[in-house]
Amino acid sequence: AVVSTQSGHYGRGTSGYSDKQSTYMTWLVDKLFLFTPNLNNFKQAKTQLEKDLNNQKSRQAYSLANSALNTLITKNSFTTEQLEGALKELSIKDLKSYIKATRDQF
């Protein structure tokens, strides 16, 4: 589409994201199906998430209240304590099983 700008110049208009959406979706689906879990990366991600959950406990009262409100109003959400409990038991085998089940549903 040709559009006029404030300076009077004409150029080809795009709608931002929508003209790239199909390329992005192809890339995203490829990444989802070609993803192979790596034990070292899994351990690093798990350690980082554990730190983030621990840091959440020491946040300001306002931030904690906001987080609690988001937990209450978000369907199927979990508390920090529930996430910490689940994280401790999580293994790379669990991740691989989840990935397989998700791919099978696609």
PDB file of N, CA and C in Angstrom:
ATOM      1  N   ALA A   1       0.845  -1.185   0.000  1.00  0.00           N
ATOM      2  CA  ALA A   1       0.000   0.000   0.000  1.00  0.00           C
ATOM      3  C   ALA A   1       0.883   1.238   0.000  1.00  0.00           C
ATOM      4  N   VAL A   2       0.474   2.215  -0.754  1.00  0.00           N
ATOM      5  CA  VAL A   2       1.212   3.471  -0.814  1.00  0.00           C
ATOM      6  C   VAL A   2       0.538   4.445   0.138  1.00  0.00           C
ATOM      7  N   VAL A   3       1.339   5.072   0.985  1.00  0.00           N
ATOM      8  CA  VAL A   3       0.794   6.005   1.968  1.00  0.00           C
ATOM      9  C   VAL A   3       1.567   7.307   1.925  1.00  0.00           C
ATOM     10  N   SER A   4       0.920   8.368   2.363  1.00  0.00           N
ATOM     11  CA  SER A   4       1.553   9.674   2.440  1.00  0.00           C
ATOM     12  C   SER A   4       2.049   9.890   3.863  1.00  0.00           C
ATOM     13  N   THR A   5       3.219  10.472   4.001  1.00  0.00           N
ATOM     14  CA  THR A   5       3.753  10.793   5.317  1.00  0.00           C
ATOM     15  C   THR A   5       3.541  12.270   5.593  1.00  0.00           C
ATOM     16  N   GLN A   6       3.823  12.723   6.808  1.00  0.00           N
ATOM     17  CA  GLN A   6       3.662  14.136   7.146  1.00  0.00           C
ATOM     18  C   GLN A   6       4.546  15.022   6.285  1.00  0.00           C
ATOM     19  N   SER A   7       5.687  14.516   5.876  1.00  0.00           N
ATOM     20  CA  SER A   7       6.599  15.334   5.062  1.00  0.00           C
ATOM     21  C   SER A   7       6.176  15.378   3.593  1.00  0.00           C
ATOM     22  N   GLY A   8       5.102  14.657   3.255  1.00  0.00           N
ATOM     23  CA  GLY A   8       4.622  14.682   1.881  1.00  0.00           C
ATOM     24  C   GLY A   8       5.214  13.608   1.000  1.00  0.00           C
ATOM     25  N   HIS A   9       6.143  12.825   1.536  1.00  0.00           N
ATOM     26  CA  HIS A   9       6.747  11.748   0.759  1.00  0.00           C
ATOM     27  C   HIS A   9       5.831  10.542   0.746  1.00  0.00           C
ATOM     28  N   TYR A  10       5.930   9.799  -0.304  1.00  0.00           N
ATOM     29  CA  TYR A  10       5.134   8.594  -0.426  1.00  0.00           C
ATOM     30  C   TYR A  10       6.051   7.387  -0.330  1.00  0.00           C
ATOM     31  N   GLY A  11       5.532   6.342   0.246  1.00  0.00           N
ATOM     32  CA  GLY A  11       6.334   5.133   0.360  1.00  0.00           C
ATOM     33  C   GLY A  11       5.442   3.929   0.556  1.00  0.00           C
ATOM     34  N   ARG A  12       6.064   2.814   0.635  1.00  0.00           N
ATOM     35  CA  ARG A  12       5.314   1.579   0.816  1.00  0.00           C
ATOM     36  C   ARG A  12       5.040   1.402   2.303  1.00  0.00           C
ATOM     37  N   GLY A  13       3.789   1.263   2.669  1.00  0.00           N
ATOM     38  CA  GLY A  13       3.410   1.089   4.073  1.00  0.00           C
ATOM     39  C   GLY A  13       3.315  -0.385   4.436  1.00  0.00           C
ATOM     40  N   THR A  14       3.677  -0.675   5.613  1.00  0.00           N
ATOM     41  CA  THR A  14       3.500  -2.034   6.128  1.00  0.00           C
ATOM     42  C   THR A  14       2.755  -1.923   7.443  1.00  0.00           C
ATOM     43  N   SER A  15       2.246  -3.018   7.877  1.00  0.00           N
ATOM     44  CA  SER A  15       1.515  -3.001   9.138  1.00  0.00           C
ATOM     45  C   SER A  15       2.390  -3.518  10.273  1.00  0.00           C
ATOM     46  N   GLY A  16       3.688  -3.373  10.139  1.00  0.00           N
ATOM     47  CA  GLY A  16       4.590  -3.765  11.220  1.00  0.00           C
ATOM     48  C   GLY A  16       4.783  -5.255  11.291  1.00  0.00           C
ATOM     49  N   TYR A  17       4.205  -5.855  12.283  1.00  0.00           N
ATOM     50  CA  TYR A  17       4.406  -7.272  12.557  1.00  0.00           C
ATOM     51  C   TYR A  17       3.700  -8.178  11.545  1.00  0.00           C
ATOM     52  N   SER A  18       2.523  -7.805  11.093  1.00  0.00           N
ATOM     53  CA  SER A  18       1.713  -8.721  10.287  1.00  0.00           C
ATOM     54  C   SER A  18       2.390  -9.144   8.984  1.00  0.00           C
ATOM     55  N   ASP A  19       3.223  -8.280   8.404  1.00  0.00           N
ATOM     56  CA  ASP A  19       3.889  -8.669   7.170  1.00  0.00           C
ATOM     57  C   ASP A  19       5.017  -9.670   7.406  1.00  0.00           C
ATOM     58  N   LYS A  20       5.414  -9.848   8.663  1.00  0.00           N
ATOM     59  CA  LYS A  20       6.475 -10.795   9.008  1.00  0.00           C
ATOM     60  C   LYS A  20       5.939 -12.012   9.764  1.00  0.00           C
ATOM     61  N   GLN A  21       4.644 -12.031  10.005  1.00  0.00           N
ATOM     62  CA  GLN A  21       4.049 -13.054  10.860  1.00  0.00           C
ATOM     63  C   GLN A  21       4.263 -14.471  10.342  1.00  0.00           C
ATOM     64  N   SER A  22       4.090 -14.713   9.067  1.00  0.00           N
ATOM     65  CA  SER A  22       4.240 -16.075   8.549  1.00  0.00           C
ATOM     66  C   SER A  22       5.685 -16.546   8.668  1.00  0.00           C
ATOM     67  N   THR A  23       6.641 -15.650   8.416  1.00  0.00           N
ATOM     68  CA  THR A  23       8.050 -16.008   8.576  1.00  0.00           C
ATOM     69  C   THR A  23       8.356 -16.340  10.026  1.00  0.00           C
ATOM     70  N   TYR A  24       7.844 -15.517  10.929  1.00  0.00           N
ATOM     71  CA  TYR A  24       8.067 -15.752  12.356  1.00  0.00           C
ATOM     72  C   TYR A  24       7.431 -17.067  12.806  1.00  0.00           C
ATOM     73  N   MET A  25       6.228 -17.332  12.371  1.00  0.00           N
ATOM     74  CA  MET A  25       5.544 -18.567  12.770  1.00  0.00           C
ATOM     75  C   MET A  25       6.290 -19.792  12.249  1.00  0.00           C
ATOM     76  N   THR A  26       6.808 -19.727  11.044  1.00  0.00           N
ATOM     77  CA  THR A  26       7.592 -20.834  10.504  1.00  0.00           C
ATOM     78  C   THR A  26       8.842 -21.054  11.345  1.00  0.00           C
ATOM     79  N   TRP A  27       9.529 -19.974  11.678  1.00  0.00           N
ATOM     80  CA  TRP A  27      10.726 -20.061  12.519  1.00  0.00           C
ATOM     81  C   TRP A  27      10.389 -20.647  13.885  1.00  0.00           C
ATOM     82  N   LEU A  28       9.296 -20.182  14.486  1.00  0.00           N
ATOM     83  CA  LEU A  28       8.902 -20.636  15.818  1.00  0.00           C
ATOM     84  C   LEU A  28       8.550 -22.122  15.830  1.00  0.00           C
ATOM     85  N   VAL A  29       7.785 -22.576  14.869  1.00  0.00           N
ATOM     86  CA  VAL A  29       7.420 -23.995  14.790  1.00  0.00           C
ATOM     87  C   VAL A  29       8.663 -24.842  14.560  1.00  0.00           C
ATOM     88  N   ASP A  30       9.555 -24.387  13.694  1.00  0.00           N
ATOM     89  CA  ASP A  30      10.817 -25.105  13.488  1.00  0.00           C
ATOM     90  C   ASP A  30      11.587 -25.236  14.795  1.00  0.00           C
ATOM     91  N   LYS A  31      11.692 -24.144  15.552  1.00  0.00           N
ATOM     92  CA  LYS A  31      12.422 -24.170  16.820  1.00  0.00           C
ATOM     93  C   LYS A  31      11.770 -25.131  17.806  1.00  0.00           C
ATOM     94  N   LEU A  32      10.448 -25.143  17.840  1.00  0.00           N
ATOM     95  CA  LEU A  32       9.740 -26.039  18.765  1.00  0.00           C
ATOM     96  C   LEU A  32       9.986 -27.501  18.421  1.00  0.00           C
ATOM     97  N   PHE A  33       9.945 -27.825  17.146  1.00  0.00           N
ATOM     98  CA  PHE A  33      10.088 -29.222  16.750  1.00  0.00           C
ATOM     99  C   PHE A  33      11.541 -29.679  16.667  1.00  0.00           C
ATOM    100  N   LEU A  34      12.457 -28.763  16.474  1.00  0.00           N
ATOM    101  CA  LEU A  34      13.857 -29.142  16.372  1.00  0.00           C
ATOM    102  C   LEU A  34      14.614 -29.010  17.692  1.00  0.00           C
ATOM    103  N   PHE A  35      13.953 -28.489  18.731  1.00  0.00           N
ATOM    104  CA  PHE A  35      14.592 -28.297  20.027  1.00  0.00           C
ATOM    105  C   PHE A  35      14.988 -29.630  20.643  1.00  0.00           C
ATOM    106  N   THR A  36      16.239 -29.711  21.078  1.00  0.00           N
ATOM    107  CA  THR A  36      16.737 -30.895  21.776  1.00  0.00           C
ATOM    108  C   THR A  36      17.296 -30.429  23.115  1.00  0.00           C
ATOM    109  N   PRO A  37      16.730 -30.901  24.216  1.00  0.00           N
ATOM    110  CA  PRO A  37      17.215 -30.480  25.527  1.00  0.00           C
ATOM    111  C   PRO A  37      18.663 -30.890  25.742  1.00  0.00           C
ATOM    112  N   ASN A  38      19.405 -30.022  26.402  1.00  0.00           N
ATOM    113  CA  ASN A  38      20.799 -30.249  26.731  1.00  0.00           C
ATOM    114  C   ASN A  38      20.904 -30.234  28.257  1.00  0.00           C
ATOM    115  N   LEU A  39      21.536 -31.248  28.841  1.00  0.00           N
ATOM    116  CA  LEU A  39      21.587 -31.385  30.290  1.00  0.00           C
ATOM    117  C   LEU A  39      22.229 -30.167  30.953  1.00  0.00           C
ATOM    118  N   ASN A  40      23.325 -29.662  30.410  1.00  0.00           N
ATOM    119  CA  ASN A  40      23.978 -28.492  31.011  1.00  0.00           C
ATOM    120  C   ASN A  40      23.087 -27.257  30.971  1.00  0.00           C
ATOM    121  N   ASN A  41      22.454 -26.999  29.834  1.00  0.00           N
ATOM    122  CA  ASN A  41      21.551 -25.859  29.725  1.00  0.00           C
ATOM    123  C   ASN A  41      20.348 -26.024  30.644  1.00  0.00           C
ATOM    124  N   PHE A  42      19.854 -27.245  30.767  1.00  0.00           N
ATOM    125  CA  PHE A  42      18.736 -27.522  31.653  1.00  0.00           C
ATOM    126  C   PHE A  42      19.110 -27.200  33.097  1.00  0.00           C
ATOM    127  N   LYS A  43      20.301 -27.644  33.505  1.00  0.00           N
ATOM    128  CA  LYS A  43      20.756 -27.384  34.879  1.00  0.00           C
ATOM    129  C   LYS A  43      20.923 -25.880  35.118  1.00  0.00           C
ATOM    130  N   GLN A  44      21.473 -25.167  34.138  1.00  0.00           N
ATOM    131  CA  GLN A  44      21.640 -23.721  34.275  1.00  0.00           C
ATOM    132  C   GLN A  44      20.295 -23.018  34.389  1.00  0.00           C
ATOM    133  N   ALA A  45      19.348 -23.410  33.558  1.00  0.00           N
ATOM    134  CA  ALA A  45      18.021 -22.790  33.593  1.00  0.00           C
ATOM    135  C   ALA A  45      17.327 -23.088  34.917  1.00  0.00           C
ATOM    136  N   LYS A  46      17.483 -24.299  35.390  1.00  0.00           N
ATOM    137  CA  LYS A  46      16.870 -24.698  36.654  1.00  0.00           C
ATOM    138  C   LYS A  46      17.481 -23.906  37.819  1.00  0.00           C
ATOM    139  N   THR A  47      18.808 -23.747  37.813  1.00  0.00           N
ATOM    140  CA  THR A  47      19.494 -22.973  38.847  1.00  0.00           C
ATOM    141  C   THR A  47      19.056 -21.512  38.817  1.00  0.00           C
ATOM    142  N   GLN A  48      18.945 -20.934  37.617  1.00  0.00           N
ATOM    143  CA  GLN A  48      18.518 -19.544  37.491  1.00  0.00           C
ATOM    144  C   GLN A  48      17.087 -19.368  37.988  1.00  0.00           C
ATOM    145  N   LEU A  49      16.204 -20.298  37.648  1.00  0.00           N
ATOM    146  CA  LEU A  49      14.823 -20.206  38.108  1.00  0.00           C
ATOM    147  C   LEU A  49      14.754 -20.324  39.627  1.00  0.00           C
ATOM    148  N   GLU A  50      15.563 -21.192  40.196  1.00  0.00           N
ATOM    149  CA  GLU A  50      15.608 -21.336  41.654  1.00  0.00           C
ATOM    150  C   GLU A  50      16.046 -20.018  42.304  1.00  0.00           C
ATOM    151  N   LYS A  51      17.060 -19.361  41.741  1.00  0.00           N
ATOM    152  CA  LYS A  51      17.512 -18.058  42.253  1.00  0.00           C
ATOM    153  C   LYS A  51      16.402 -17.023  42.141  1.00  0.00           C
ATOM    154  N   ASP A  52      15.726 -16.995  40.991  1.00  0.00           N
ATOM    155  CA  ASP A  52      14.651 -16.032  40.781  1.00  0.00           C
ATOM    156  C   ASP A  52      13.520 -16.240  41.786  1.00  0.00           C
ATOM    157  N   LEU A  53      13.173 -17.491  42.055  1.00  0.00           N
ATOM    158  CA  LEU A  53      12.118 -17.776  43.022  1.00  0.00           C
ATOM    159  C   LEU A  53      12.551 -17.393  44.434  1.00  0.00           C
ATOM    160  N   ASN A  54      13.806 -17.635  44.775  1.00  0.00           N
ATOM    161  CA  ASN A  54      14.320 -17.226  46.087  1.00  0.00           C
ATOM    162  C   ASN A  54      14.342 -15.706  46.220  1.00  0.00           C
ATOM    163  N   ASN A  55      14.729 -15.010  45.150  1.00  0.00           N
ATOM    164  CA  ASN A  55      14.761 -13.548  45.170  1.00  0.00           C
ATOM    165  C   ASN A  55      13.364 -12.963  45.342  1.00  0.00           C
ATOM    166  N   GLN A  56      12.380 -13.665  44.840  1.00  0.00           N
ATOM    167  CA  GLN A  56      11.011 -13.172  44.944  1.00  0.00           C
ATOM    168  C   GLN A  56      10.585 -13.051  46.400  1.00  0.00           C
ATOM    169  N   LYS A  57      11.125 -13.888  47.263  1.00  0.00           N
ATOM    170  CA  LYS A  57      10.770 -13.861  48.684  1.00  0.00           C
ATOM    171  C   LYS A  57      11.242 -12.581  49.365  1.00  0.00           C
ATOM    172  N   SER A  58      12.304 -11.968  48.860  1.00  0.00           N
ATOM    173  CA  SER A  58      12.862 -10.786  49.516  1.00  0.00           C
ATOM    174  C   SER A  58      12.439  -9.473  48.855  1.00  0.00           C
ATOM    175  N   ARG A  59      11.477  -9.526  47.975  1.00  0.00           N
ATOM    176  CA  ARG A  59      11.018  -8.313  47.294  1.00  0.00           C
ATOM    177  C   ARG A  59      10.201  -7.428  48.237  1.00  0.00           C
ATOM    178  N   GLN A  60      10.031  -6.199  47.861  1.00  0.00           N
ATOM    179  CA  GLN A  60       9.241  -5.237  48.625  1.00  0.00           C
ATOM    180  C   GLN A  60       7.800  -5.712  48.776  1.00  0.00           C
ATOM    181  N   ALA A  61       7.146  -5.264  49.838  1.00  0.00           N
ATOM    182  CA  ALA A  61       5.767  -5.682  50.135  1.00  0.00           C
ATOM    183  C   ALA A  61       4.825  -5.384  48.966  1.00  0.00           C
ATOM    184  N   TYR A  62       4.973  -4.213  48.331  1.00  0.00           N
ATOM    185  CA  TYR A  62       4.113  -3.862  47.203  1.00  0.00           C
ATOM    186  C   TYR A  62       4.269  -4.873  46.072  1.00  0.00           C
ATOM    187  N   SER A  63       5.508  -5.238  45.761  1.00  0.00           N
ATOM    188  CA  SER A  63       5.759  -6.200  44.690  1.00  0.00           C
ATOM    189  C   SER A  63       5.183  -7.564  45.034  1.00  0.00           C
ATOM    190  N   LEU A  64       5.319  -7.951  46.301  1.00  0.00           N
ATOM    191  CA  LEU A  64       4.759  -9.238  46.725  1.00  0.00           C
ATOM    192  C   LEU A  64       3.238  -9.237  46.614  1.00  0.00           C
ATOM    193  N   ALA A  65       2.618  -8.133  47.026  1.00  0.00           N
ATOM    194  CA  ALA A  65       1.163  -8.039  46.931  1.00  0.00           C
ATOM    195  C   ALA A  65       0.707  -8.078  45.478  1.00  0.00           C
ATOM    196  N   ASN A  66       1.424  -7.391  44.614  1.00  0.00           N
ATOM    197  CA  ASN A  66       1.106  -7.394  43.188  1.00  0.00           C
ATOM    198  C   ASN A  66       1.254  -8.799  42.598  1.00  0.00           C
ATOM    199  N   SER A  67       2.322  -9.484  42.992  1.00  0.00           N
ATOM    200  CA  SER A  67       2.542 -10.853  42.521  1.00  0.00           C
ATOM    201  C   SER A  67       1.431 -11.780  43.009  1.00  0.00           C
ATOM    202  N   ALA A  68       1.040 -11.623  44.277  1.00  0.00           N
ATOM    203  CA  ALA A  68      -0.038 -12.450  44.827  1.00  0.00           C
ATOM    204  C   ALA A  68      -1.350 -12.189  44.097  1.00  0.00           C
ATOM    205  N   LEU A  69      -1.627 -10.929  43.795  1.00  0.00           N
ATOM    206  CA  LEU A  69      -2.844 -10.594  43.050  1.00  0.00           C
ATOM    207  C   LEU A  69      -2.820 -11.227  41.668  1.00  0.00           C
ATOM    208  N   ASN A  70      -1.678 -11.150  40.988  1.00  0.00           N
ATOM    209  CA  ASN A  70      -1.560 -11.779  39.672  1.00  0.00           C
ATOM    210  C   ASN A  70      -1.768 -13.278  39.753  1.00  0.00           C
ATOM    211  N   THR A  71      -1.265 -13.900  40.804  1.00  0.00           N
ATOM    212  CA  THR A  71      -1.456 -15.338  40.992  1.00  0.00           C
ATOM    213  C   THR A  71      -2.938 -15.655  41.160  1.00  0.00           C
ATOM    214  N   LEU A  72      -3.640 -14.820  41.931  1.00  0.00           N
ATOM    215  CA  LEU A  72      -5.057 -15.059  42.179  1.00  0.00           C
ATOM    216  C   LEU A  72      -5.917 -14.883  40.929  1.00  0.00           C
ATOM    217  N   ILE A  73      -5.570 -13.920  40.101  1.00  0.00           N
ATOM    218  CA  ILE A  73      -6.437 -13.629  38.951  1.00  0.00           C
ATOM    219  C   ILE A  73      -6.027 -14.369  37.685  1.00  0.00           C
ATOM    220  N   THR A  74      -4.916 -15.058  37.725  1.00  0.00           N
ATOM    221  CA  THR A  74      -4.464 -15.802  36.552  1.00  0.00           C
ATOM    222  C   THR A  74      -4.889 -17.256  36.688  1.00  0.00           C
ATOM    223  N   LYS A  75      -5.623 -17.711  35.724  1.00  0.00           N
ATOM    224  CA  LYS A  75      -6.099 -19.091  35.745  1.00  0.00           C
ATOM    225  C   LYS A  75      -4.926 -20.062  35.679  1.00  0.00           C
ATOM    226  N   ASN A  76      -5.007 -21.124  36.451  1.00  0.00           N
ATOM    227  CA  ASN A  76      -3.994 -22.183  36.472  1.00  0.00           C
ATOM    228  C   ASN A  76      -2.602 -21.671  36.832  1.00  0.00           C
ATOM    229  N   SER A  77      -2.523 -20.724  37.738  1.00  0.00           N
ATOM    230  CA  SER A  77      -1.219 -20.228  38.160  1.00  0.00           C
ATOM    231  C   SER A  77      -0.841 -20.877  39.489  1.00  0.00           C
ATOM    232  N   PHE A  78       0.415 -20.718  39.863  1.00  0.00           N
ATOM    233  CA  PHE A  78       0.933 -21.379  41.049  1.00  0.00           C
ATOM    234  C   PHE A  78       1.656 -20.373  41.924  1.00  0.00           C
ATOM    235  N   THR A  79       1.695 -20.637  43.226  1.00  0.00           N
ATOM    236  CA  THR A  79       2.427 -19.779  44.145  1.00  0.00           C
ATOM    237  C   THR A  79       3.920 -20.052  44.009  1.00  0.00           C
ATOM    238  N   THR A  80       4.715 -19.155  44.557  1.00  0.00           N
ATOM    239  CA  THR A  80       6.168 -19.332  44.531  1.00  0.00           C
ATOM    240  C   THR A  80       6.556 -20.634  45.215  1.00  0.00           C
ATOM    241  N   GLU A  81       5.920 -20.934  46.331  1.00  0.00           N
ATOM    242  CA  GLU A  81       6.228 -22.161  47.071  1.00  0.00           C
ATOM    243  C   GLU A  81       5.899 -23.408  46.243  1.00  0.00           C
ATOM    244  N   GLN A  82       4.789 -23.383  45.533  1.00  0.00           N
ATOM    245  CA  GLN A  82       4.429 -24.515  44.679  1.00  0.00           C
ATOM    246  C   GLN A  82       5.442 -24.685  43.549  1.00  0.00           C
ATOM    247  N   LEU A  83       5.875 -23.577  42.976  1.00  0.00           N
ATOM    248  CA  LEU A  83       6.864 -23.636  41.895  1.00  0.00           C
ATOM    249  C   LEU A  83       8.202 -24.160  42.413  1.00  0.00           C
ATOM    250  N   GLU A  84       8.605 -23.719  43.598  1.00  0.00           N
ATOM    251  CA  GLU A  84       9.864 -24.201  44.183  1.00  0.00           C
ATOM    252  C   GLU A  84       9.806 -25.704  44.428  1.00  0.00           C
ATOM    253  N   GLY A  85       8.674 -26.182  44.939  1.00  0.00           N
ATOM    254  CA  GLY A  85       8.517 -27.616  45.186  1.00  0.00           C
ATOM    255  C   GLY A  85       8.594 -28.426  43.915  1.00  0.00           C
ATOM    256  N   ALA A  86       7.943 -27.940  42.876  1.00  0.00           N
ATOM    257  CA  ALA A  86       7.955 -28.643  41.595  1.00  0.00           C
ATOM    258  C   ALA A  86       9.338 -28.605  40.962  1.00  0.00           C
ATOM    259  N   LEU A  87      10.036 -27.482  41.123  1.00  0.00           N
ATOM    260  CA  LEU A  87      11.358 -27.327  40.520  1.00  0.00           C
ATOM    261  C   LEU A  87      12.350 -28.332  41.096  1.00  0.00           C
ATOM    262  N   LYS A  88      12.273 -28.567  42.391  1.00  0.00           N
ATOM    263  CA  LYS A  88      13.211 -29.491  43.031  1.00  0.00           C
ATOM    264  C   LYS A  88      13.106 -30.898  42.453  1.00  0.00           C
ATOM    265  N   GLU A  89      11.912 -31.288  42.066  1.00  0.00           N
ATOM    266  CA  GLU A  89      11.689 -32.641  41.558  1.00  0.00           C
ATOM    267  C   GLU A  89      11.844 -32.751  40.045  1.00  0.00           C
ATOM    268  N   LEU A  90      11.948 -31.637  39.362  1.00  0.00           N
ATOM    269  CA  LEU A  90      11.999 -31.613  37.902  1.00  0.00           C
ATOM    270  C   LEU A  90      13.314 -32.183  37.384  1.00  0.00           C
ATOM    271  N   SER A  91      13.212 -33.048  36.377  1.00  0.00           N
ATOM    272  CA  SER A  91      14.408 -33.636  35.771  1.00  0.00           C
ATOM    273  C   SER A  91      14.385 -33.386  34.262  1.00  0.00           C
ATOM    274  N   ILE A  92      15.515 -33.627  33.635  1.00  0.00           N
ATOM    275  CA  ILE A  92      15.567 -33.471  32.180  1.00  0.00           C
ATOM    276  C   ILE A  92      14.684 -34.532  31.515  1.00  0.00           C
ATOM    277  N   LYS A  93      14.523 -35.671  32.162  1.00  0.00           N
ATOM    278  CA  LYS A  93      13.624 -36.703  31.637  1.00  0.00           C
ATOM    279  C   LYS A  93      12.191 -36.173  31.600  1.00  0.00           C
ATOM    280  N   ASP A  94      11.796 -35.426  32.644  1.00  0.00           N
ATOM    281  CA  ASP A  94      10.466 -34.806  32.656  1.00  0.00           C
ATOM    282  C   ASP A  94      10.315 -33.839  31.494  1.00  0.00           C
ATOM    283  N   LEU A  95      11.356 -33.036  31.260  1.00  0.00           N
ATOM    284  CA  LEU A  95      11.312 -32.078  30.154  1.00  0.00           C
ATOM    285  C   LEU A  95      11.174 -32.793  28.814  1.00  0.00           C
ATOM    286  N   LYS A  96      11.953 -33.835  28.614  1.00  0.00           N
ATOM    287  CA  LYS A  96      11.877 -34.581  27.354  1.00  0.00           C
ATOM    288  C   LYS A  96      10.507 -35.225  27.168  1.00  0.00           C
ATOM    289  N   SER A  97       9.935 -35.751  28.245  1.00  0.00           N
ATOM    290  CA  SER A  97       8.592 -36.346  28.165  1.00  0.00           C
ATOM    291  C   SER A  97       7.553 -35.295  27.812  1.00  0.00           C
ATOM    292  N   TYR A  98       7.683 -34.109  28.425  1.00  0.00           N
ATOM    293  CA  TYR A  98       6.755 -33.021  28.142  1.00  0.00           C
ATOM    294  C   TYR A  98       6.863 -32.589  26.679  1.00  0.00           C
ATOM    295  N   ILE A  99       8.081 -32.453  26.192  1.00  0.00           N
ATOM    296  CA  ILE A  99       8.302 -32.055  24.803  1.00  0.00           C
ATOM    297  C   ILE A  99       7.682 -33.087  23.850  1.00  0.00           C
ATOM    298  N   LYS A 100       7.908 -34.360  24.127  1.00  0.00           N
ATOM    299  CA  LYS A 100       7.354 -35.415  23.268  1.00  0.00           C
ATOM    300  C   LYS A 100       5.833 -35.354  23.268  1.00  0.00           C
ATOM    301  N   ALA A 101       5.231 -35.245  24.447  1.00  0.00           N
ATOM    302  CA  ALA A 101       3.767 -35.197  24.535  1.00  0.00           C
ATOM    303  C   ALA A 101       3.204 -33.974  23.806  1.00  0.00           C
ATOM    304  N   THR A 102       3.891 -32.852  23.924  1.00  0.00           N
ATOM    305  CA  THR A 102       3.444 -31.629  23.264  1.00  0.00           C
ATOM    306  C   THR A 102       3.561 -31.748  21.751  1.00  0.00           C
ATOM    307  N   ARG A 103       4.660 -32.322  21.287  1.00  0.00           N
ATOM    308  CA  ARG A 103       4.830 -32.511  19.841  1.00  0.00           C
ATOM    309  C   ARG A 103       3.796 -33.481  19.293  1.00  0.00           C
ATOM    310  N   ASP A 104       3.472 -34.511  20.059  1.00  0.00           N
ATOM    311  CA  ASP A 104       2.481 -35.497  19.616  1.00  0.00           C
ATOM    312  C   ASP A 104       1.089 -34.875  19.484  1.00  0.00           C
ATOM    313  N   GLN A 105       0.817 -33.829  20.238  1.00  0.00           N
ATOM    314  CA  GLN A 105      -0.480 -33.160  20.168  1.00  0.00           C
ATOM    315  C   GLN A 105      -0.579 -32.179  19.001  1.00  0.00           C
ATOM    316  N   PHE A 106       0.563 -31.837  18.433  1.00  0.00           N
ATOM    317  CA  PHE A 106       0.584 -30.811  17.371  1.00  0.00           C
ATOM    318  C   PHE A 106      -0.055 -31.290  16.109  1.00  0.00           C
TER     319      PHE A 106
END
